[in-house]
Amino acid sequence: MKKSLVPTMIRALLMLVALHASSGWAQTKAIASLLPHAQLQGKGNYTWFGLNIYAISLWSEPPGLTPENLTNTPFALELAYARKLKGKKIAQASIDEIQKIGIGTTAQHQAWLASMQALFPDVDPSTHLTGLYQPGQATRFFIGDQLLGEIADPAFGPAFFAIWLHPKTSAPPLRHALLGLP
């Protein structure tokens, strides 16, 4: 190999490493401490009318999440936002999706919406939010590596994460990418 190509190749490699580190796919400390064996299972981007809204990654512990074990396997979903959004609008969009899927009662929807509106912050392109699901426990949310808060109702977690993982999701290609389905 010519000596003149080596510095160029090293620069290219360093740029790839930097790009990977800034892409949001590196496991957060929160995920590492709460799911110590978690591995990146899948990732994708959510777009709306051609606008990139967020990148999303699914972290699960081996053997991984499958459509059959969604409610009895711990996992985390990390969202890296690409634009500014109001927390209250994120909460409303979340409850709208849960209702479209057909999960929960009207009373649950009202309680979950109030909890999400109180918890979800306004976001911008530097915001990384992570939702942690552990069967039968409160659903915890992190901003970066800091605990943002939790929603104690154990029925909330399966309903909330169904937005991305339920067969009736409004984004089937994203579900397939996250779960690693064909």
C-alpha atoms as a PDB file:
ATOM      1  CA  MET A   1       0.000   0.000   0.000  1.00  0.00           C
ATOM      2  CA  LYS A   2       1.323   3.440  -0.882  1.00  0.00           C
ATOM      3  CA  LYS A   3       2.431   5.565   2.072  1.00  0.00           C
ATOM      4  CA  SER A   4       0.342   8.517   0.839  1.00  0.00           C
ATOM      5  CA  LEU A   5      -2.893   6.487   1.199  1.00  0.00           C
ATOM      6  CA  VAL A   6      -2.327   5.558   4.849  1.00  0.00           C
ATOM      7  CA  PRO A   7      -3.068   9.015   6.351  1.00  0.00           C
ATOM      8  CA  THR A   8      -6.171   9.309   4.149  1.00  0.00           C
ATOM      9  CA  MET A   9      -7.426   5.893   5.264  1.00  0.00           C
ATOM     10  CA  ILE A  10      -6.756   6.708   8.924  1.00  0.00           C
ATOM     11  CA  ARG A  11      -8.679   9.996   8.607  1.00  0.00           C
ATOM     12  CA  ALA A  12     -11.583   8.161   6.954  1.00  0.00           C
ATOM     13  CA  LEU A  13     -11.605   5.544   9.715  1.00  0.00           C
ATOM     14  CA  LEU A  14     -11.556   8.223  12.426  1.00  0.00           C
ATOM     15  CA  MET A  15     -14.443  10.015  10.711  1.00  0.00           C
ATOM     16  CA  LEU A  16     -16.467   6.777  10.669  1.00  0.00           C
ATOM     17  CA  VAL A  17     -15.783   6.206  14.374  1.00  0.00           C
ATOM     18  CA  ALA A  18     -16.813   9.779  15.185  1.00  0.00           C
ATOM     19  CA  LEU A  19     -19.957   9.437  13.072  1.00  0.00           C
ATOM     20  CA  HIS A  20     -20.917   6.224  14.862  1.00  0.00           C
ATOM     21  CA  ALA A  21     -20.300   7.766  18.274  1.00  0.00           C
ATOM     22  CA  SER A  22     -22.483  10.789  17.455  1.00  0.00           C
ATOM     23  CA  SER A  23     -25.273   8.793  15.805  1.00  0.00           C
ATOM     24  CA  GLY A  24     -27.064   7.904  19.027  1.00  0.00           C
ATOM     25  CA  TRP A  25     -26.462   4.167  18.669  1.00  0.00           C
ATOM     26  CA  ALA A  26     -23.954   3.896  21.481  1.00  0.00           C
ATOM     27  CA  GLN A  27     -25.511   2.302  24.554  1.00  0.00           C
ATOM     28  CA  THR A  28     -26.275   4.873  27.260  1.00  0.00           C
ATOM     29  CA  LYS A  29     -25.061   4.418  30.833  1.00  0.00           C
ATOM     30  CA  ALA A  30     -28.697   4.150  31.934  1.00  0.00           C
ATOM     31  CA  ILE A  31     -29.302   1.199  29.610  1.00  0.00           C
ATOM     32  CA  ALA A  32     -25.979  -0.421  30.531  1.00  0.00           C
ATOM     33  CA  SER A  33     -26.704  -0.222  34.264  1.00  0.00           C
ATOM     34  CA  LEU A  34     -30.334  -1.393  34.099  1.00  0.00           C
ATOM     35  CA  LEU A  35     -29.982  -3.951  31.298  1.00  0.00           C
ATOM     36  CA  PRO A  36     -26.339  -5.021  31.688  1.00  0.00           C
ATOM     37  CA  HIS A  37     -26.377  -7.549  28.842  1.00  0.00           C
ATOM     38  CA  ALA A  38     -28.421  -5.459  26.399  1.00  0.00           C
ATOM     39  CA  GLN A  39     -27.478  -5.472  22.752  1.00  0.00           C
ATOM     40  CA  LEU A  40     -28.686  -3.314  19.907  1.00  0.00           C
ATOM     41  CA  GLN A  41     -31.442  -5.367  18.294  1.00  0.00           C
ATOM     42  CA  GLY A  42     -32.615  -2.941  15.646  1.00  0.00           C
ATOM     43  CA  LYS A  43     -32.763   0.688  14.630  1.00  0.00           C
ATOM     44  CA  GLY A  44     -34.533   2.969  12.215  1.00  0.00           C
ATOM     45  CA  ASN A  45     -35.838   6.437  11.522  1.00  0.00           C
ATOM     46  CA  TYR A  46     -39.338   7.786  11.910  1.00  0.00           C
ATOM     47  CA  THR A  47     -40.358  10.266   9.246  1.00  0.00           C
ATOM     48  CA  TRP A  48     -43.594  12.141   8.766  1.00  0.00           C
ATOM     49  CA  PHE A  49     -44.397  13.517   5.304  1.00  0.00           C
ATOM     50  CA  GLY A  50     -40.706  13.266   4.427  1.00  0.00           C
ATOM     51  CA  LEU A  51     -39.507  15.065   7.576  1.00  0.00           C
ATOM     52  CA  ASN A  52     -37.117  13.158   9.826  1.00  0.00           C
ATOM     53  CA  ILE A  53     -38.651  13.237  13.327  1.00  0.00           C
ATOM     54  CA  TYR A  54     -36.322  10.899  15.251  1.00  0.00           C
ATOM     55  CA  ALA A  55     -33.922   8.001  15.031  1.00  0.00           C
ATOM     56  CA  ILE A  56     -34.897   5.074  17.245  1.00  0.00           C
ATOM     57  CA  SER A  57     -32.985   2.074  18.544  1.00  0.00           C
ATOM     58  CA  LEU A  58     -34.169  -1.026  20.386  1.00  0.00           C
ATOM     59  CA  TRP A  59     -31.905  -2.505  23.065  1.00  0.00           C
ATOM     60  CA  SER A  60     -32.744  -5.942  24.433  1.00  0.00           C
ATOM     61  CA  GLU A  61     -31.033  -8.630  26.423  1.00  0.00           C
ATOM     62  CA  PRO A  62     -30.310 -11.969  24.758  1.00  0.00           C
ATOM     63  CA  PRO A  63     -32.012 -13.851  23.276  1.00  0.00           C
ATOM     64  CA  GLY A  64     -33.756 -10.647  22.143  1.00  0.00           C
ATOM     65  CA  LEU A  65     -37.270  -9.408  21.710  1.00  0.00           C
ATOM     66  CA  THR A  66     -39.696 -11.299  19.498  1.00  0.00           C
ATOM     67  CA  PRO A  67     -43.371 -10.712  18.687  1.00  0.00           C
ATOM     68  CA  GLU A  68     -44.160 -13.616  21.033  1.00  0.00           C
ATOM     69  CA  ASN A  69     -42.283 -12.297  24.091  1.00  0.00           C
ATOM     70  CA  LEU A  70     -42.957  -8.528  23.949  1.00  0.00           C
ATOM     71  CA  THR A  71     -44.547  -8.306  27.399  1.00  0.00           C
ATOM     72  CA  ASN A  72     -42.198 -10.600  29.326  1.00  0.00           C
ATOM     73  CA  THR A  73     -38.775  -9.385  28.154  1.00  0.00           C
ATOM     74  CA  PRO A  74     -36.986  -6.282  29.478  1.00  0.00           C
ATOM     75  CA  PHE A  75     -35.927  -3.792  26.809  1.00  0.00           C
ATOM     76  CA  ALA A  76     -35.249  -0.133  26.126  1.00  0.00           C
ATOM     77  CA  LEU A  77     -36.173   2.136  23.240  1.00  0.00           C
ATOM     78  CA  GLU A  78     -33.957   5.159  22.662  1.00  0.00           C
ATOM     79  CA  LEU A  79     -35.158   8.086  20.563  1.00  0.00           C
ATOM     80  CA  ALA A  80     -32.712  10.673  19.224  1.00  0.00           C
ATOM     81  CA  TYR A  81     -34.807  13.604  18.073  1.00  0.00           C
ATOM     82  CA  ALA A  82     -34.087  15.409  14.810  1.00  0.00           C
ATOM     83  CA  ARG A  83     -36.271  18.464  15.440  1.00  0.00           C
ATOM     84  CA  LYS A  84     -37.927  20.586  18.087  1.00  0.00           C
ATOM     85  CA  LEU A  85     -41.188  19.209  19.468  1.00  0.00           C
ATOM     86  CA  LYS A  86     -43.323  20.124  22.458  1.00  0.00           C
ATOM     87  CA  GLY A  87     -43.559  17.477  25.178  1.00  0.00           C
ATOM     88  CA  LYS A  88     -47.330  17.886  25.434  1.00  0.00           C
ATOM     89  CA  LYS A  89     -47.688  17.215  21.694  1.00  0.00           C
ATOM     90  CA  ILE A  90     -45.493  14.112  21.993  1.00  0.00           C
ATOM     91  CA  ALA A  91     -47.775  12.900  24.803  1.00  0.00           C
ATOM     92  CA  GLN A  92     -50.915  13.571  22.752  1.00  0.00           C
ATOM     93  CA  ALA A  93     -49.488  11.833  19.667  1.00  0.00           C
ATOM     94  CA  SER A  94     -48.531   8.862  21.881  1.00  0.00           C
ATOM     95  CA  ILE A  95     -52.026   8.491  23.308  1.00  0.00           C
ATOM     96  CA  ASP A  96     -53.533   8.867  19.817  1.00  0.00           C
ATOM     97  CA  GLU A  97     -51.384   5.949  18.616  1.00  0.00           C
ATOM     98  CA  ILE A  98     -52.278   3.812  21.652  1.00  0.00           C
ATOM     99  CA  GLN A  99     -55.973   4.448  20.950  1.00  0.00           C
ATOM    100  CA  LYS A 100     -55.569   3.557  17.239  1.00  0.00           C
ATOM    101  CA  ILE A 101     -54.041   0.222  18.243  1.00  0.00           C
ATOM    102  CA  GLY A 102     -56.986  -0.350  20.589  1.00  0.00           C
ATOM    103  CA  ILE A 103     -55.191  -0.785  23.899  1.00  0.00           C
ATOM    104  CA  GLY A 104     -56.600   0.475  27.196  1.00  0.00           C
ATOM    105  CA  THR A 105     -59.784   2.078  28.439  1.00  0.00           C
ATOM    106  CA  THR A 106     -60.888   5.696  28.257  1.00  0.00           C
ATOM    107  CA  ALA A 107     -60.001   6.123  31.934  1.00  0.00           C
ATOM    108  CA  GLN A 108     -56.528   4.663  31.344  1.00  0.00           C
ATOM    109  CA  HIS A 109     -55.998   6.903  28.319  1.00  0.00           C
ATOM    110  CA  GLN A 110     -56.866   9.984  30.377  1.00  0.00           C
ATOM    111  CA  ALA A 111     -54.542   8.964  33.229  1.00  0.00           C
ATOM    112  CA  TRP A 112     -51.699   8.018  30.882  1.00  0.00           C
ATOM    113  CA  LEU A 113     -52.048  11.263  28.914  1.00  0.00           C
ATOM    114  CA  ALA A 114     -51.903  13.347  32.106  1.00  0.00           C
ATOM    115  CA  SER A 115     -48.831  11.403  33.286  1.00  0.00           C
ATOM    116  CA  MET A 116     -47.031  11.770  29.956  1.00  0.00           C
ATOM    117  CA  GLN A 117     -47.855  15.481  29.696  1.00  0.00           C
ATOM    118  CA  ALA A 118     -46.410  16.033  33.164  1.00  0.00           C
ATOM    119  CA  LEU A 119     -43.296  13.987  32.356  1.00  0.00           C
ATOM    120  CA  PHE A 120     -42.299  14.476  28.717  1.00  0.00           C
ATOM    121  CA  PRO A 121     -40.020  17.481  28.094  1.00  0.00           C
ATOM    122  CA  ASP A 122     -39.865  19.661  25.030  1.00  0.00           C
ATOM    123  CA  VAL A 123     -37.189  18.205  22.758  1.00  0.00           C
ATOM    124  CA  ASP A 124     -34.722  19.469  20.172  1.00  0.00           C
ATOM    125  CA  PRO A 125     -32.097  17.837  17.937  1.00  0.00           C
ATOM    126  CA  SER A 126     -29.759  17.303  20.885  1.00  0.00           C
ATOM    127  CA  THR A 127     -32.324  15.357  22.931  1.00  0.00           C
ATOM    128  CA  HIS A 128     -32.059  11.623  23.547  1.00  0.00           C
ATOM    129  CA  LEU A 129     -34.982  10.076  25.428  1.00  0.00           C
ATOM    130  CA  THR A 130     -34.972   6.445  26.525  1.00  0.00           C
ATOM    131  CA  GLY A 131     -37.944   4.437  27.709  1.00  0.00           C
ATOM    132  CA  LEU A 132     -37.193   1.351  29.798  1.00  0.00           C
ATOM    133  CA  TYR A 133     -39.639  -1.550  30.020  1.00  0.00           C
ATOM    134  CA  GLN A 134     -39.308  -4.197  32.711  1.00  0.00           C
ATOM    135  CA  PRO A 135     -42.260  -6.587  33.003  1.00  0.00           C
ATOM    136  CA  GLY A 136     -44.658  -5.775  35.843  1.00  0.00           C
ATOM    137  CA  GLN A 137     -42.771  -2.624  36.872  1.00  0.00           C
ATOM    138  CA  ALA A 138     -43.086   1.091  36.359  1.00  0.00           C
ATOM    139  CA  THR A 139     -42.005   2.369  32.944  1.00  0.00           C
ATOM    140  CA  ARG A 140     -38.977   4.612  33.410  1.00  0.00           C
ATOM    141  CA  PHE A 141     -37.872   7.427  31.146  1.00  0.00           C
ATOM    142  CA  PHE A 142     -34.406   8.936  30.872  1.00  0.00           C
ATOM    143  CA  ILE A 143     -33.138  12.075  29.222  1.00  0.00           C
ATOM    144  CA  GLY A 144     -29.572  11.212  28.300  1.00  0.00           C
ATOM    145  CA  ASP A 145     -28.408   9.222  31.337  1.00  0.00           C
ATOM    146  CA  GLN A 146     -30.550  11.065  33.889  1.00  0.00           C
ATOM    147  CA  LEU A 147     -33.808   9.613  35.180  1.00  0.00           C
ATOM    148  CA  LEU A 148     -36.593  11.868  33.960  1.00  0.00           C
ATOM    149  CA  GLY A 149     -39.343  10.031  35.836  1.00  0.00           C
ATOM    150  CA  GLU A 150     -41.629   7.040  35.678  1.00  0.00           C
ATOM    151  CA  ILE A 151     -45.218   6.032  35.115  1.00  0.00           C
ATOM    152  CA  ALA A 152     -46.134   3.511  37.785  1.00  0.00           C
ATOM    153  CA  ASP A 153     -49.110   1.784  36.122  1.00  0.00           C
ATOM    154  CA  PRO A 154     -47.727  -1.600  34.926  1.00  0.00           C
ATOM    155  CA  ALA A 155     -50.300  -1.597  32.081  1.00  0.00           C
ATOM    156  CA  PHE A 156     -48.815   1.597  30.661  1.00  0.00           C
ATOM    157  CA  GLY A 157     -45.510   0.087  29.439  1.00  0.00           C
ATOM    158  CA  PRO A 158     -46.995  -2.503  27.079  1.00  0.00           C
ATOM    159  CA  ALA A 159     -49.459   0.089  25.757  1.00  0.00           C
ATOM    160  CA  PHE A 160     -46.801   2.763  25.239  1.00  0.00           C
ATOM    161  CA  PHE A 161     -44.223   0.544  23.543  1.00  0.00           C
ATOM    162  CA  ALA A 162     -46.959  -0.937  21.343  1.00  0.00           C
ATOM    163  CA  ILE A 163     -46.716   2.354  19.415  1.00  0.00           C
ATOM    164  CA  TRP A 164     -43.616   0.875  17.749  1.00  0.00           C
ATOM    165  CA  LEU A 165     -43.771  -2.865  18.453  1.00  0.00           C
ATOM    166  CA  HIS A 166     -47.435  -3.939  18.105  1.00  0.00           C
ATOM    167  CA  PRO A 167     -48.516  -5.622  14.840  1.00  0.00           C
ATOM    168  CA  LYS A 168     -51.087  -2.803  14.403  1.00  0.00           C
ATOM    169  CA  THR A 169     -48.463  -0.025  14.618  1.00  0.00           C
ATOM    170  CA  SER A 170     -48.880   2.823  12.147  1.00  0.00           C
ATOM    171  CA  ALA A 171     -45.222   2.288  11.111  1.00  0.00           C
ATOM    172  CA  PRO A 172     -44.846  -1.409  10.138  1.00  0.00           C
ATOM    173  CA  PRO A 173     -41.465  -1.006   8.347  1.00  0.00           C
ATOM    174  CA  LEU A 174     -40.034   0.628  11.469  1.00  0.00           C
ATOM    175  CA  ARG A 175     -41.379  -2.225  13.626  1.00  0.00           C
ATOM    176  CA  HIS A 176     -39.706  -4.737  11.333  1.00  0.00           C
ATOM    177  CA  ALA A 177     -36.408  -2.844  11.493  1.00  0.00           C
ATOM    178  CA  LEU A 178     -36.498  -2.647  15.293  1.00  0.00           C
ATOM    179  CA  LEU A 179     -37.387  -6.318  15.789  1.00  0.00           C
ATOM    180  CA  GLY A 180     -35.136  -7.530  12.982  1.00  0.00           C
ATOM    181  CA  LEU A 181     -38.029  -9.112  11.100  1.00  0.00           C
ATOM    182  CA  PRO A 182     -37.925  -9.898   7.388  1.00  0.00           C
END
